[in-house]
Amino acid sequence: MRAEMGAETAGQQREGEGPARFGFTATKKLGNAVVRNRIRRRLREAVRLVAPSQARTGCDYVLIAREAAASRPFAALEKDLVAAFAALHAPTAAGSRPARGDTHAGARSQSTRGRAGRPGPASEG
């Protein structure tokens, strides 16, 4: 899921069958313990309502909380979670998902030259 949504979701198939398992994480950057726990509770409830029809048995899922999860309408959180499950379980052409951060077959951004957006050293000629 994208940052403007309430959380990112990742899934991993494990050996054997069994119920889907979920993990939740919220960093201290989100706020104090009260804020983080509220976000986790909201995500847990959304998973409780959506997972029976969307999650696959034998999979482990990790939801990484984002700041928007605290104020996002609950119906929107549920909709985001349904979309995340659909994206995770969508078949790809090669049969596997691309690695995180792979956008253009290994192409590098031009912004990697120099520090803090400054051009590299000028060549003496």
Protein backbone atom coordinates (compact mmCIF):
# COMPACT_ATOMS: atom_id res chain seq x y z
CA MET A 1 0.00 0.00 0.00
CA ARG A 2 1.10 3.56 -0.48
CA ALA A 3 2.07 6.03 2.25
CA GLU A 4 -1.14 8.06 1.84
CA MET A 5 -3.07 4.97 2.92
CA GLY A 6 -3.12 3.69 6.47
CA ALA A 7 -0.53 0.92 6.21
CA GLU A 8 1.77 -1.06 3.99
CA THR A 9 1.18 -4.77 3.71
CA ALA A 10 3.58 -7.57 2.87
CA GLY A 11 2.79 -11.27 2.62
CA GLN A 12 4.84 -14.45 2.80
CA GLN A 13 3.69 -17.99 2.02
CA ARG A 14 4.84 -20.50 4.65
CA GLU A 15 5.16 -24.26 4.57
CA GLY A 16 1.98 -26.21 5.15
CA GLU A 17 -1.53 -24.96 5.73
CA GLY A 18 -3.10 -23.22 8.66
CA PRO A 19 -4.80 -19.94 9.31
CA ALA A 20 -3.38 -16.71 7.99
CA ARG A 21 -1.26 -14.94 10.60
CA PHE A 22 -0.86 -11.19 10.99
CA GLY A 23 1.79 -8.98 12.54
CA PHE A 24 1.50 -5.26 13.19
CA THR A 25 4.27 -2.74 13.61
CA ALA A 26 4.25 0.97 14.40
CA THR A 27 7.43 2.99 14.88
CA LYS A 28 7.96 5.69 17.50
CA LYS A 29 7.94 8.25 14.69
CA LEU A 30 4.15 7.93 14.68
CA GLY A 31 3.80 9.34 18.18
CA ASN A 32 3.64 8.20 21.78
CA ALA A 33 2.45 4.76 22.92
CA VAL A 34 -1.18 5.86 23.08
CA VAL A 35 -1.15 6.94 19.42
CA ARG A 36 0.72 3.84 18.24
CA ASN A 37 -1.60 1.50 20.13
CA ARG A 38 -4.68 3.27 18.74
CA ILE A 39 -3.36 2.83 15.20
CA ARG A 40 -2.61 -0.86 15.82
CA ARG A 41 -6.10 -1.40 17.28
CA ARG A 42 -7.70 0.20 14.23
CA LEU A 43 -5.60 -1.94 11.87
CA ARG A 44 -6.37 -5.10 13.87
CA GLU A 45 -10.10 -4.45 13.67
CA ALA A 46 -9.91 -3.80 9.92
CA VAL A 47 -8.02 -7.08 9.47
CA ARG A 48 -10.58 -8.92 11.62
CA LEU A 49 -13.37 -7.73 9.32
CA VAL A 50 -11.62 -8.07 5.94
CA ALA A 51 -9.26 -11.05 6.34
CA PRO A 52 -11.82 -13.89 6.37
CA SER A 53 -12.73 -13.15 2.76
CA GLN A 54 -9.38 -11.82 1.50
CA ALA A 55 -6.44 -13.50 3.29
CA ARG A 56 -5.07 -16.82 2.13
CA THR A 57 -4.52 -19.72 4.48
CA GLY A 58 -0.88 -20.54 5.09
CA CYS A 59 0.26 -16.93 4.62
CA ASP A 60 1.90 -14.55 7.05
CA TYR A 61 1.13 -10.83 6.69
CA VAL A 62 2.86 -7.83 8.25
CA LEU A 63 1.12 -4.46 8.37
CA ILE A 64 3.40 -1.47 8.80
CA ALA A 65 1.41 1.39 10.28
CA ARG A 66 1.54 4.84 8.73
CA GLU A 67 0.56 8.15 10.27
CA ALA A 68 -2.60 8.38 8.13
CA ALA A 69 -4.04 5.31 9.88
CA ALA A 70 -4.79 7.41 12.96
CA SER A 71 -7.14 9.83 11.22
CA ARG A 72 -8.25 7.97 8.09
CA PRO A 73 -11.95 7.02 8.09
CA PHE A 74 -12.39 3.40 9.11
CA ALA A 75 -14.28 2.49 5.93
CA ALA A 76 -11.33 3.80 3.92
CA LEU A 77 -8.92 1.63 5.98
CA GLU A 78 -11.01 -1.43 5.14
CA LYS A 79 -11.07 -0.47 1.46
CA ASP A 80 -7.27 0.05 1.51
CA LEU A 81 -6.79 -3.36 3.07
CA VAL A 82 -8.95 -5.06 0.42
CA ALA A 83 -6.90 -3.32 -2.27
CA ALA A 84 -3.65 -4.41 -0.59
CA PHE A 85 -4.76 -8.04 -0.49
CA ALA A 86 -5.75 -7.85 -4.16
CA ALA A 87 -2.35 -6.39 -5.08
CA LEU A 88 -0.47 -9.01 -3.04
CA HIS A 89 -2.34 -11.92 -4.55
CA ALA A 90 -2.48 -10.66 -8.12
CA PRO A 91 -0.62 -12.93 -10.56
CA THR A 92 2.35 -11.41 -12.36
CA ALA A 93 3.67 -12.16 -15.82
CA ALA A 94 6.91 -13.76 -14.55
CA GLY A 95 5.14 -15.60 -11.72
CA SER A 96 6.86 -13.68 -8.94
CA ARG A 97 6.65 -10.20 -7.51
CA PRO A 98 9.44 -7.69 -8.26
CA ALA A 99 11.79 -6.87 -5.41
CA ARG A 100 11.01 -3.75 -3.38
CA GLY A 101 12.35 -0.66 -5.00
CA ASP A 102 12.73 -2.22 -8.45
CA THR A 103 10.96 0.19 -10.74
CA HIS A 104 12.75 0.28 -14.07
CA ALA A 105 14.85 -2.86 -14.28
CA GLY A 106 17.65 -1.52 -12.12
CA ALA A 107 17.71 2.01 -13.54
CA ARG A 108 19.33 4.48 -11.15
CA SER A 109 18.08 7.94 -10.42
CA GLN A 110 20.12 10.92 -11.58
CA SER A 111 19.94 12.33 -8.04
CA THR A 112 22.66 9.93 -6.83
CA ARG A 113 25.40 12.25 -8.09
CA GLY A 114 26.90 14.69 -5.63
CA ARG A 115 25.72 15.44 -2.12
CA ALA A 116 22.41 17.02 -1.21
CA GLY A 117 21.58 17.81 -4.80
CA ARG A 118 24.85 19.60 -5.53
CA PRO A 119 26.69 18.64 -8.70
CA GLY A 120 29.85 16.60 -8.42
CA PRO A 121 33.32 18.19 -8.61
CA ALA A 122 34.12 19.99 -11.85
CA SER A 123 36.82 18.42 -13.97
CA GLU A 124 39.92 20.45 -14.59
CA GLY A 125 40.76 20.79 -18.16
